[in-house]
Amino acid sequence: MNLIKQGEEGFEQLLDKLSKEYKGCAGSPETEVIANWNKIEVKEDKVVSFYASNKELSSAIQRGRKAIKAIAYYGPGAGATLYVDHKRVRPISTIIRPDR
């Protein structure tokens, strides 16, 4: 795993690479998307982590590129974790559609 922070050499290039690699990628049956809202991480590092190994990774980069503070890259096809500024992340409960 490589952790690259915003402003470090290769950060923007890695975002470009991940965005391209995962654009339109549905992934295998084992594909995961994980949003991790860890209170300590939010308080100390001011980030929420988001892991994906499918098109959600590309979509997240395209929607909030400026909010991404760091990337943990696991290698080709293995996905990545984006560490996103906590102020740019909606509460996790908003992903659930209300009952009708």
PDB file of N, CA and C in Angstrom:
ATOM      1  N   MET A   1       0.839  -1.177   0.000  1.00  0.00           N
ATOM      2  CA  MET A   1       0.000   0.000   0.000  1.00  0.00           C
ATOM      3  C   MET A   1       0.885   1.241   0.000  1.00  0.00           C
ATOM      4  N   ASN A   2       0.515   2.180  -0.827  1.00  0.00           N
ATOM      5  CA  ASN A   2       1.186   3.480  -0.854  1.00  0.00           C
ATOM      6  C   ASN A   2       0.211   4.545  -0.393  1.00  0.00           C
ATOM      7  N   LEU A   3       0.612   5.375   0.569  1.00  0.00           N
ATOM      8  CA  LEU A   3      -0.207   6.500   1.009  1.00  0.00           C
ATOM      9  C   LEU A   3       0.432   7.770   0.472  1.00  0.00           C
ATOM     10  N   ILE A   4      -0.327   8.486  -0.336  1.00  0.00           N
ATOM     11  CA  ILE A   4       0.163   9.732  -0.915  1.00  0.00           C
ATOM     12  C   ILE A   4      -0.776  10.846  -0.480  1.00  0.00           C
ATOM     13  N   LYS A   5      -0.206  11.914   0.051  1.00  0.00           N
ATOM     14  CA  LYS A   5      -1.006  13.036   0.536  1.00  0.00           C
ATOM     15  C   LYS A   5      -1.096  14.142  -0.504  1.00  0.00           C
ATOM     16  N   GLN A   6      -2.176  14.906  -0.390  1.00  0.00           N
ATOM     17  CA  GLN A   6      -2.383  16.050  -1.279  1.00  0.00           C
ATOM     18  C   GLN A   6      -1.151  16.952  -1.232  1.00  0.00           C
ATOM     19  N   GLY A   7      -0.680  17.353  -2.400  1.00  0.00           N
ATOM     20  CA  GLY A   7       0.497  18.211  -2.487  1.00  0.00           C
ATOM     21  C   GLY A   7       1.794  17.454  -2.704  1.00  0.00           C
ATOM     22  N   GLU A   8       1.798  16.156  -2.411  1.00  0.00           N
ATOM     23  CA  GLU A   8       2.998  15.357  -2.628  1.00  0.00           C
ATOM     24  C   GLU A   8       3.133  14.989  -4.099  1.00  0.00           C
ATOM     25  N   GLU A   9       4.356  14.705  -4.495  1.00  0.00           N
ATOM     26  CA  GLU A   9       4.632  14.313  -5.875  1.00  0.00           C
ATOM     27  C   GLU A   9       3.846  13.052  -6.232  1.00  0.00           C
ATOM     28  N   GLY A  10       3.186  13.084  -7.360  1.00  0.00           N
ATOM     29  CA  GLY A  10       2.442  11.939  -7.856  1.00  0.00           C
ATOM     30  C   GLY A  10       0.982  11.887  -7.441  1.00  0.00           C
ATOM     31  N   PHE A  11       0.558  12.789  -6.552  1.00  0.00           N
ATOM     32  CA  PHE A  11      -0.823  12.778  -6.053  1.00  0.00           C
ATOM     33  C   PHE A  11      -1.830  12.997  -7.181  1.00  0.00           C
ATOM     34  N   GLU A  12      -1.670  14.063  -7.930  1.00  0.00           N
ATOM     35  CA  GLU A  12      -2.605  14.387  -9.016  1.00  0.00           C
ATOM     36  C   GLU A  12      -2.577  13.316 -10.101  1.00  0.00           C
ATOM     37  N   GLN A  13      -1.396  12.789 -10.393  1.00  0.00           N
ATOM     38  CA  GLN A  13      -1.273  11.749 -11.403  1.00  0.00           C
ATOM     39  C   GLN A  13      -1.995  10.466 -10.967  1.00  0.00           C
ATOM     40  N   LEU A  14      -1.920  10.156  -9.672  1.00  0.00           N
ATOM     41  CA  LEU A  14      -2.604   8.972  -9.169  1.00  0.00           C
ATOM     42  C   LEU A  14      -4.118   9.158  -9.242  1.00  0.00           C
ATOM     43  N   LEU A  15      -4.603  10.347  -8.917  1.00  0.00           N
ATOM     44  CA  LEU A  15      -6.037  10.610  -9.061  1.00  0.00           C
ATOM     45  C   LEU A  15      -6.478  10.410 -10.503  1.00  0.00           C
ATOM     46  N   ASP A  16      -5.687  10.935 -11.451  1.00  0.00           N
ATOM     47  CA  ASP A  16      -6.001  10.760 -12.873  1.00  0.00           C
ATOM     48  C   ASP A  16      -6.026   9.283 -13.250  1.00  0.00           C
ATOM     49  N   LYS A  17      -5.028   8.540 -12.790  1.00  0.00           N
ATOM     50  CA  LYS A  17      -4.916   7.112 -13.103  1.00  0.00           C
ATOM     51  C   LYS A  17      -6.115   6.337 -12.554  1.00  0.00           C
ATOM     52  N   LEU A  18      -6.463   6.581 -11.289  1.00  0.00           N
ATOM     53  CA  LEU A  18      -7.585   5.882 -10.668  1.00  0.00           C
ATOM     54  C   LEU A  18      -8.909   6.239 -11.340  1.00  0.00           C
ATOM     55  N   SER A  19      -9.077   7.503 -11.661  1.00  0.00           N
ATOM     56  CA  SER A  19     -10.300   7.945 -12.317  1.00  0.00           C
ATOM     57  C   SER A  19     -10.478   7.237 -13.653  1.00  0.00           C
ATOM     58  N   LYS A  20      -9.406   7.126 -14.388  1.00  0.00           N
ATOM     59  CA  LYS A  20      -9.449   6.462 -15.700  1.00  0.00           C
ATOM     60  C   LYS A  20      -9.627   4.948 -15.550  1.00  0.00           C
ATOM     61  N   GLU A  21      -8.865   4.331 -14.636  1.00  0.00           N
ATOM     62  CA  GLU A  21      -8.904   2.876 -14.454  1.00  0.00           C
ATOM     63  C   GLU A  21     -10.284   2.379 -14.036  1.00  0.00           C
ATOM     64  N   TYR A  22     -10.974   3.127 -13.185  1.00  0.00           N
ATOM     65  CA  TYR A  22     -12.237   2.660 -12.626  1.00  0.00           C
ATOM     66  C   TYR A  22     -13.482   3.269 -13.272  1.00  0.00           C
ATOM     67  N   LYS A  23     -13.308   4.133 -14.243  1.00  0.00           N
ATOM     68  CA  LYS A  23     -14.464   4.728 -14.925  1.00  0.00           C
ATOM     69  C   LYS A  23     -15.252   3.623 -15.629  1.00  0.00           C
ATOM     70  N   GLY A  24     -16.533   3.486 -15.297  1.00  0.00           N
ATOM     71  CA  GLY A  24     -17.392   2.486 -15.914  1.00  0.00           C
ATOM     72  C   GLY A  24     -17.145   1.060 -15.458  1.00  0.00           C
ATOM     73  N   CYS A  25     -16.302   0.864 -14.459  1.00  0.00           N
ATOM     74  CA  CYS A  25     -15.942  -0.475 -13.980  1.00  0.00           C
ATOM     75  C   CYS A  25     -16.972  -0.969 -12.958  1.00  0.00           C
ATOM     76  N   ALA A  26     -17.767  -1.963 -13.364  1.00  0.00           N
ATOM     77  CA  ALA A  26     -18.775  -2.511 -12.447  1.00  0.00           C
ATOM     78  C   ALA A  26     -18.127  -3.355 -11.355  1.00  0.00           C
ATOM     79  N   GLY A  27     -17.022  -3.988 -11.665  1.00  0.00           N
ATOM     80  CA  GLY A  27     -16.326  -4.818 -10.691  1.00  0.00           C
ATOM     81  C   GLY A  27     -16.878  -6.233 -10.646  1.00  0.00           C
ATOM     82  N   SER A  28     -16.188  -7.086  -9.927  1.00  0.00           N
ATOM     83  CA  SER A  28     -16.574  -8.487  -9.780  1.00  0.00           C
ATOM     84  C   SER A  28     -17.643  -8.624  -8.688  1.00  0.00           C
ATOM     85  N   PRO A  29     -18.173  -9.829  -8.494  1.00  0.00           N
ATOM     86  CA  PRO A  29     -19.153 -10.028  -7.418  1.00  0.00           C
ATOM     87  C   PRO A  29     -18.598  -9.714  -6.024  1.00  0.00           C
ATOM     88  N   GLU A  30     -17.276  -9.723  -5.868  1.00  0.00           N
ATOM     89  CA  GLU A  30     -16.659  -9.430  -4.572  1.00  0.00           C
ATOM     90  C   GLU A  30     -16.372  -7.937  -4.361  1.00  0.00           C
ATOM     91  N   THR A  31     -16.728  -7.117  -5.344  1.00  0.00           N
ATOM     92  CA  THR A  31     -16.449  -5.681  -5.265  1.00  0.00           C
ATOM     93  C   THR A  31     -17.101  -5.064  -4.030  1.00  0.00           C
ATOM     94  N   GLU A  32     -16.354  -4.169  -3.392  1.00  0.00           N
ATOM     95  CA  GLU A  32     -16.860  -3.502  -2.189  1.00  0.00           C
ATOM     96  C   GLU A  32     -16.796  -1.986  -2.348  1.00  0.00           C
ATOM     97  N   VAL A  33     -17.713  -1.332  -1.657  1.00  0.00           N
ATOM     98  CA  VAL A  33     -17.673   0.110  -1.469  1.00  0.00           C
ATOM     99  C   VAL A  33     -17.871   0.315   0.030  1.00  0.00           C
ATOM    100  N   ILE A  34     -16.898   0.963   0.668  1.00  0.00           N
ATOM    101  CA  ILE A  34     -16.954   1.117   2.118  1.00  0.00           C
ATOM    102  C   ILE A  34     -16.743   2.587   2.480  1.00  0.00           C
ATOM    103  N   ALA A  35     -17.716   3.160   3.181  1.00  0.00           N
ATOM    104  CA  ALA A  35     -17.564   4.506   3.734  1.00  0.00           C
ATOM    105  C   ALA A  35     -17.306   4.325   5.227  1.00  0.00           C
ATOM    106  N   ASN A  36     -16.220   4.892   5.721  1.00  0.00           N
ATOM    107  CA  ASN A  36     -15.833   4.724   7.115  1.00  0.00           C
ATOM    108  C   ASN A  36     -15.782   6.091   7.798  1.00  0.00           C
ATOM    109  N   TRP A  37     -16.803   6.375   8.578  1.00  0.00           N
ATOM    110  CA  TRP A  37     -16.887   7.633   9.307  1.00  0.00           C
ATOM    111  C   TRP A  37     -16.414   7.356  10.726  1.00  0.00           C
ATOM    112  N   ASN A  38     -15.114   7.416  10.932  1.00  0.00           N
ATOM    113  CA  ASN A  38     -14.500   7.126  12.220  1.00  0.00           C
ATOM    114  C   ASN A  38     -14.361   8.440  12.992  1.00  0.00           C
ATOM    115  N   LYS A  39     -14.967   8.518  14.159  1.00  0.00           N
ATOM    116  CA  LYS A  39     -14.990   9.780  14.911  1.00  0.00           C
ATOM    117  C   LYS A  39     -13.589  10.287  15.256  1.00  0.00           C
ATOM    118  N   ILE A  40     -12.673   9.391  15.570  1.00  0.00           N
ATOM    119  CA  ILE A  40     -11.305   9.810  15.886  1.00  0.00           C
ATOM    120  C   ILE A  40     -10.633  10.378  14.640  1.00  0.00           C
ATOM    121  N   GLU A  41     -10.822   9.685  13.501  1.00  0.00           N
ATOM    122  CA  GLU A  41     -10.256  10.146  12.234  1.00  0.00           C
ATOM    123  C   GLU A  41     -10.807  11.528  11.866  1.00  0.00           C
ATOM    124  N   VAL A  42     -12.091  11.726  12.071  1.00  0.00           N
ATOM    125  CA  VAL A  42     -12.705  13.031  11.777  1.00  0.00           C
ATOM    126  C   VAL A  42     -12.147  14.099  12.710  1.00  0.00           C
ATOM    127  N   LYS A  43     -12.056  13.800  13.989  1.00  0.00           N
ATOM    128  CA  LYS A  43     -11.590  14.785  14.973  1.00  0.00           C
ATOM    129  C   LYS A  43     -10.112  15.131  14.791  1.00  0.00           C
ATOM    130  N   GLU A  44      -9.272  14.107  14.598  1.00  0.00           N
ATOM    131  CA  GLU A  44      -7.830  14.339  14.540  1.00  0.00           C
ATOM    132  C   GLU A  44      -7.320  14.688  13.145  1.00  0.00           C
ATOM    133  N   ASP A  45      -7.792  13.954  12.142  1.00  0.00           N
ATOM    134  CA  ASP A  45      -7.270  14.144  10.785  1.00  0.00           C
ATOM    135  C   ASP A  45      -8.203  14.969   9.894  1.00  0.00           C
ATOM    136  N   LYS A  46      -9.437  15.180  10.371  1.00  0.00           N
ATOM    137  CA  LYS A  46     -10.442  15.970   9.628  1.00  0.00           C
ATOM    138  C   LYS A  46     -10.831  15.320   8.304  1.00  0.00           C
ATOM    139  N   VAL A  47     -10.842  13.982   8.258  1.00  0.00           N
ATOM    140  CA  VAL A  47     -11.193  13.259   7.041  1.00  0.00           C
ATOM    141  C   VAL A  47     -12.172  12.112   7.326  1.00  0.00           C
ATOM    142  N   VAL A  48     -12.864  11.710   6.266  1.00  0.00           N
ATOM    143  CA  VAL A  48     -13.681  10.504   6.249  1.00  0.00           C
ATOM    144  C   VAL A  48     -13.078   9.628   5.166  1.00  0.00           C
ATOM    145  N   SER A  49     -12.908   8.334   5.433  1.00  0.00           N
ATOM    146  CA  SER A  49     -12.292   7.472   4.431  1.00  0.00           C
ATOM    147  C   SER A  49     -13.353   6.728   3.623  1.00  0.00           C
ATOM    148  N   PHE A  50     -13.028   6.532   2.362  1.00  0.00           N
ATOM    149  CA  PHE A  50     -13.935   5.938   1.391  1.00  0.00           C
ATOM    150  C   PHE A  50     -13.133   4.966   0.540  1.00  0.00           C
ATOM    151  N   TYR A  51     -13.448   3.667   0.642  1.00  0.00           N
ATOM    152  CA  TYR A  51     -12.767   2.644  -0.153  1.00  0.00           C
ATOM    153  C   TYR A  51     -13.706   2.146  -1.242  1.00  0.00           C
ATOM    154  N   ALA A  52     -13.178   1.940  -2.428  1.00  0.00           N
ATOM    155  CA  ALA A  52     -13.952   1.332  -3.509  1.00  0.00           C
ATOM    156  C   ALA A  52     -13.017   0.631  -4.481  1.00  0.00           C
ATOM    157  N   SER A  53     -13.585  -0.345  -5.174  1.00  0.00           N
ATOM    158  CA  SER A  53     -12.831  -1.048  -6.213  1.00  0.00           C
ATOM    159  C   SER A  53     -13.701  -1.186  -7.465  1.00  0.00           C
ATOM    160  N   ASN A  54     -14.497  -0.140  -7.710  1.00  0.00           N
ATOM    161  CA  ASN A  54     -15.338  -0.104  -8.902  1.00  0.00           C
ATOM    162  C   ASN A  54     -15.542   1.353  -9.338  1.00  0.00           C
ATOM    163  N   LYS A  55     -16.551   1.577 -10.183  1.00  0.00           N
ATOM    164  CA  LYS A  55     -16.776   2.913 -10.734  1.00  0.00           C
ATOM    165  C   LYS A  55     -17.071   3.978  -9.685  1.00  0.00           C
ATOM    166  N   GLU A  56     -17.463   3.582  -8.485  1.00  0.00           N
ATOM    167  CA  GLU A  56     -17.709   4.558  -7.417  1.00  0.00           C
ATOM    168  C   GLU A  56     -16.436   5.337  -7.078  1.00  0.00           C
ATOM    169  N   LEU A  57     -15.293   4.704  -7.239  1.00  0.00           N
ATOM    170  CA  LEU A  57     -14.012   5.364  -6.996  1.00  0.00           C
ATOM    171  C   LEU A  57     -13.810   6.493  -7.996  1.00  0.00           C
ATOM    172  N   SER A  58     -14.035   6.213  -9.261  1.00  0.00           N
ATOM    173  CA  SER A  58     -13.909   7.235 -10.294  1.00  0.00           C
ATOM    174  C   SER A  58     -14.917   8.363 -10.072  1.00  0.00           C
ATOM    175  N   SER A  59     -16.145   8.001  -9.736  1.00  0.00           N
ATOM    176  CA  SER A  59     -17.184   9.009  -9.495  1.00  0.00           C
ATOM    177  C   SER A  59     -16.826   9.918  -8.327  1.00  0.00           C
ATOM    178  N   ALA A  60     -16.292   9.338  -7.256  1.00  0.00           N
ATOM    179  CA  ALA A  60     -15.907  10.137  -6.093  1.00  0.00           C
ATOM    180  C   ALA A  60     -14.792  11.126  -6.449  1.00  0.00           C
ATOM    181  N   ILE A  61     -13.846  10.679  -7.254  1.00  0.00           N
ATOM    182  CA  ILE A  61     -12.752  11.563  -7.679  1.00  0.00           C
ATOM    183  C   ILE A  61     -13.301  12.691  -8.534  1.00  0.00           C
ATOM    184  N   GLN A  62     -14.187  12.374  -9.446  1.00  0.00           N
ATOM    185  CA  GLN A  62     -14.745  13.397 -10.325  1.00  0.00           C
ATOM    186  C   GLN A  62     -15.619  14.397  -9.565  1.00  0.00           C
ATOM    187  N   ARG A  63     -16.357  13.938  -8.567  1.00  0.00           N
ATOM    188  CA  ARG A  63     -17.254  14.820  -7.794  1.00  0.00           C
ATOM    189  C   ARG A  63     -16.528  15.703  -6.794  1.00  0.00           C
ATOM    190  N   GLY A  64     -15.467  15.178  -6.186  1.00  0.00           N
ATOM    191  CA  GLY A  64     -14.860  15.913  -5.077  1.00  0.00           C
ATOM    192  C   GLY A  64     -13.350  15.908  -5.080  1.00  0.00           C
ATOM    193  N   ARG A  65     -12.754  16.030  -6.229  1.00  0.00           N
ATOM    194  CA  ARG A  65     -11.294  15.962  -6.356  1.00  0.00           C
ATOM    195  C   ARG A  65     -10.567  16.898  -5.386  1.00  0.00           C
ATOM    196  N   LYS A  66     -11.040  18.133  -5.257  1.00  0.00           N
ATOM    197  CA  LYS A  66     -10.369  19.115  -4.394  1.00  0.00           C
ATOM    198  C   LYS A  66     -10.473  18.754  -2.919  1.00  0.00           C
ATOM    199  N   ALA A  67     -11.467  17.946  -2.544  1.00  0.00           N
ATOM    200  CA  ALA A  67     -11.673  17.576  -1.145  1.00  0.00           C
ATOM    201  C   ALA A  67     -10.837  16.381  -0.717  1.00  0.00           C
ATOM    202  N   ILE A  68     -10.209  15.687  -1.680  1.00  0.00           N
ATOM    203  CA  ILE A  68      -9.417  14.493  -1.360  1.00  0.00           C
ATOM    204  C   ILE A  68      -8.072  14.922  -0.766  1.00  0.00           C
ATOM    205  N   LYS A  69      -7.815  14.495   0.458  1.00  0.00           N
ATOM    206  CA  LYS A  69      -6.610  14.896   1.188  1.00  0.00           C
ATOM    207  C   LYS A  69      -5.480  13.872   1.099  1.00  0.00           C
ATOM    208  N   ALA A  70      -5.834  12.604   0.850  1.00  0.00           N
ATOM    209  CA  ALA A  70      -4.821  11.549   0.741  1.00  0.00           C
ATOM    210  C   ALA A  70      -5.441  10.348   0.033  1.00  0.00           C
ATOM    211  N   ILE A  71      -4.552   9.489  -0.489  1.00  0.00           N
ATOM    212  CA  ILE A  71      -4.979   8.279  -1.178  1.00  0.00           C
ATOM    213  C   ILE A  71      -4.121   7.121  -0.694  1.00  0.00           C
ATOM    214  N   ALA A  72      -4.772   6.025  -0.323  1.00  0.00           N
ATOM    215  CA  ALA A  72      -4.068   4.773  -0.058  1.00  0.00           C
ATOM    216  C   ALA A  72      -4.340   3.900  -1.279  1.00  0.00           C
ATOM    217  N   TYR A  73      -3.293   3.602  -2.041  1.00  0.00           N
ATOM    218  CA  TYR A  73      -3.422   2.838  -3.282  1.00  0.00           C
ATOM    219  C   TYR A  73      -2.918   1.429  -3.044  1.00  0.00           C
ATOM    220  N   TYR A  74      -3.728   0.439  -3.447  1.00  0.00           N
ATOM    221  CA  TYR A  74      -3.421  -0.963  -3.174  1.00  0.00           C
ATOM    222  C   TYR A  74      -2.923  -1.733  -4.390  1.00  0.00           C
ATOM    223  N   GLY A  75      -2.789  -1.077  -5.517  1.00  0.00           N
ATOM    224  CA  GLY A  75      -2.300  -1.732  -6.720  1.00  0.00           C
ATOM    225  C   GLY A  75      -3.390  -1.899  -7.763  1.00  0.00           C
ATOM    226  N   PRO A  76      -3.000  -2.225  -8.988  1.00  0.00           N
ATOM    227  CA  PRO A  76      -3.962  -2.353 -10.084  1.00  0.00           C
ATOM    228  C   PRO A  76      -5.084  -3.354  -9.766  1.00  0.00           C
ATOM    229  N   GLY A  77      -6.310  -2.912  -9.949  1.00  0.00           N
ATOM    230  CA  GLY A  77      -7.470  -3.767  -9.735  1.00  0.00           C
ATOM    231  C   GLY A  77      -7.873  -3.978  -8.295  1.00  0.00           C
ATOM    232  N   ALA A  78      -7.083  -3.495  -7.344  1.00  0.00           N
ATOM    233  CA  ALA A  78      -7.363  -3.721  -5.925  1.00  0.00           C
ATOM    234  C   ALA A  78      -8.079  -2.554  -5.263  1.00  0.00           C
ATOM    235  N   GLY A  79      -8.317  -1.487  -6.009  1.00  0.00           N
ATOM    236  CA  GLY A  79      -9.016  -0.341  -5.451  1.00  0.00           C
ATOM    237  C   GLY A  79      -8.108   0.596  -4.680  1.00  0.00           C
ATOM    238  N   ALA A  80      -8.732   1.538  -4.001  1.00  0.00           N
ATOM    239  CA  ALA A  80      -8.005   2.545  -3.233  1.00  0.00           C
ATOM    240  C   ALA A  80      -8.925   3.112  -2.157  1.00  0.00           C
ATOM    241  N   THR A  81      -8.315   3.695  -1.156  1.00  0.00           N
ATOM    242  CA  THR A  81      -9.050   4.430  -0.141  1.00  0.00           C
ATOM    243  C   THR A  81      -8.764   5.908  -0.333  1.00  0.00           C
ATOM    244  N   LEU A  82      -9.825   6.685  -0.434  1.00  0.00           N
ATOM    245  CA  LEU A  82      -9.700   8.137  -0.520  1.00  0.00           C
ATOM    246  C   LEU A  82      -9.990   8.711   0.858  1.00  0.00           C
ATOM    247  N   TYR A  83      -9.175   9.622   1.298  1.00  0.00           N
ATOM    248  CA  TYR A  83      -9.393  10.321   2.569  1.00  0.00           C
ATOM    249  C   TYR A  83      -9.897  11.712   2.206  1.00  0.00           C
ATOM    250  N   VAL A  84     -11.179  11.957   2.483  1.00  0.00           N
ATOM    251  CA  VAL A  84     -11.878  13.141   2.013  1.00  0.00           C
ATOM    252  C   VAL A  84     -12.130  14.096   3.174  1.00  0.00           C
ATOM    253  N   ASP A  85     -11.952  15.390   2.924  1.00  0.00           N
ATOM    254  CA  ASP A  85     -12.219  16.424   3.920  1.00  0.00           C
ATOM    255  C   ASP A  85     -13.610  16.197   4.518  1.00  0.00           C
ATOM    256  N   HIS A  86     -13.674  16.063   5.820  1.00  0.00           N
ATOM    257  CA  HIS A  86     -14.940  15.739   6.489  1.00  0.00           C
ATOM    258  C   HIS A  86     -16.031  16.775   6.242  1.00  0.00           C
ATOM    259  N   LYS A  87     -15.662  18.009   5.956  1.00  0.00           N
ATOM    260  CA  LYS A  87     -16.659  19.054   5.692  1.00  0.00           C
ATOM    261  C   LYS A  87     -17.354  18.859   4.353  1.00  0.00           C
ATOM    262  N   ARG A  88     -16.789  18.039   3.483  1.00  0.00           N
ATOM    263  CA  ARG A  88     -17.368  17.803   2.163  1.00  0.00           C
ATOM    264  C   ARG A  88     -18.160  16.501   2.079  1.00  0.00           C
ATOM    265  N   VAL A  89     -18.333  15.818   3.213  1.00  0.00           N
ATOM    266  CA  VAL A  89     -19.036  14.539   3.229  1.00  0.00           C
ATOM    267  C   VAL A  89     -20.359  14.714   3.976  1.00  0.00           C
ATOM    268  N   ARG A  90     -21.427  14.274   3.329  1.00  0.00           N
ATOM    269  CA  ARG A  90     -22.741  14.316   3.970  1.00  0.00           C
ATOM    270  C   ARG A  90     -22.816  13.217   5.021  1.00  0.00           C
ATOM    271  N   PRO A  91     -23.704  13.365   5.989  1.00  0.00           N
ATOM    272  CA  PRO A  91     -23.877  12.286   6.969  1.00  0.00           C
ATOM    273  C   PRO A  91     -24.243  10.975   6.270  1.00  0.00           C
ATOM    274  N   ILE A  92     -23.699   9.887   6.758  1.00  0.00           N
ATOM    275  CA  ILE A  92     -23.889   8.581   6.146  1.00  0.00           C
ATOM    276  C   ILE A  92     -25.378   8.224   6.035  1.00  0.00           C
ATOM    277  N   SER A  93     -26.189   8.645   6.982  1.00  0.00           N
ATOM    278  CA  SER A  93     -27.618   8.297   6.960  1.00  0.00           C
ATOM    279  C   SER A  93     -28.333   8.828   5.717  1.00  0.00           C
ATOM    280  N   THR A  94     -27.762   9.812   5.049  1.00  0.00           N
ATOM    281  CA  THR A  94     -28.425  10.380   3.867  1.00  0.00           C
ATOM    282  C   THR A  94     -28.346   9.465   2.648  1.00  0.00           C
ATOM    283  N   ILE A  95     -27.579   8.389   2.719  1.00  0.00           N
ATOM    284  CA  ILE A  95     -27.527   7.471   1.577  1.00  0.00           C
ATOM    285  C   ILE A  95     -28.746   6.552   1.536  1.00  0.00           C
ATOM    286  N   ILE A  96     -29.491   6.498   2.619  1.00  0.00           N
ATOM    287  CA  ILE A  96     -30.684   5.656   2.687  1.00  0.00           C
ATOM    288  C   ILE A  96     -31.882   6.499   2.260  1.00  0.00           C
ATOM    289  N   ARG A  97     -32.601   6.003   1.292  1.00  0.00           N
ATOM    290  CA  ARG A  97     -33.801   6.720   0.833  1.00  0.00           C
ATOM    291  C   ARG A  97     -34.876   6.614   1.893  1.00  0.00           C
ATOM    292  N   PRO A  98     -35.617   7.690   2.108  1.00  0.00           N
ATOM    293  CA  PRO A  98     -36.686   7.656   3.115  1.00  0.00           C
ATOM    294  C   PRO A  98     -37.815   6.696   2.694  1.00  0.00           C
ATOM    295  N   ASP A  99     -38.507   6.165   3.685  1.00  0.00           N
ATOM    296  CA  ASP A  99     -39.678   5.341   3.409  1.00  0.00           C
ATOM    297  C   ASP A  99     -40.723   6.193   2.708  1.00  0.00           C
ATOM    298  N   ARG A 100     -41.489   5.556   1.875  1.00  0.00           N
ATOM    299  CA  ARG A 100     -42.552   6.293   1.143  1.00  0.00           C
ATOM    300  C   ARG A 100     -43.895   5.807   1.562  1.00  0.00           C
TER     301      ARG A 100
END
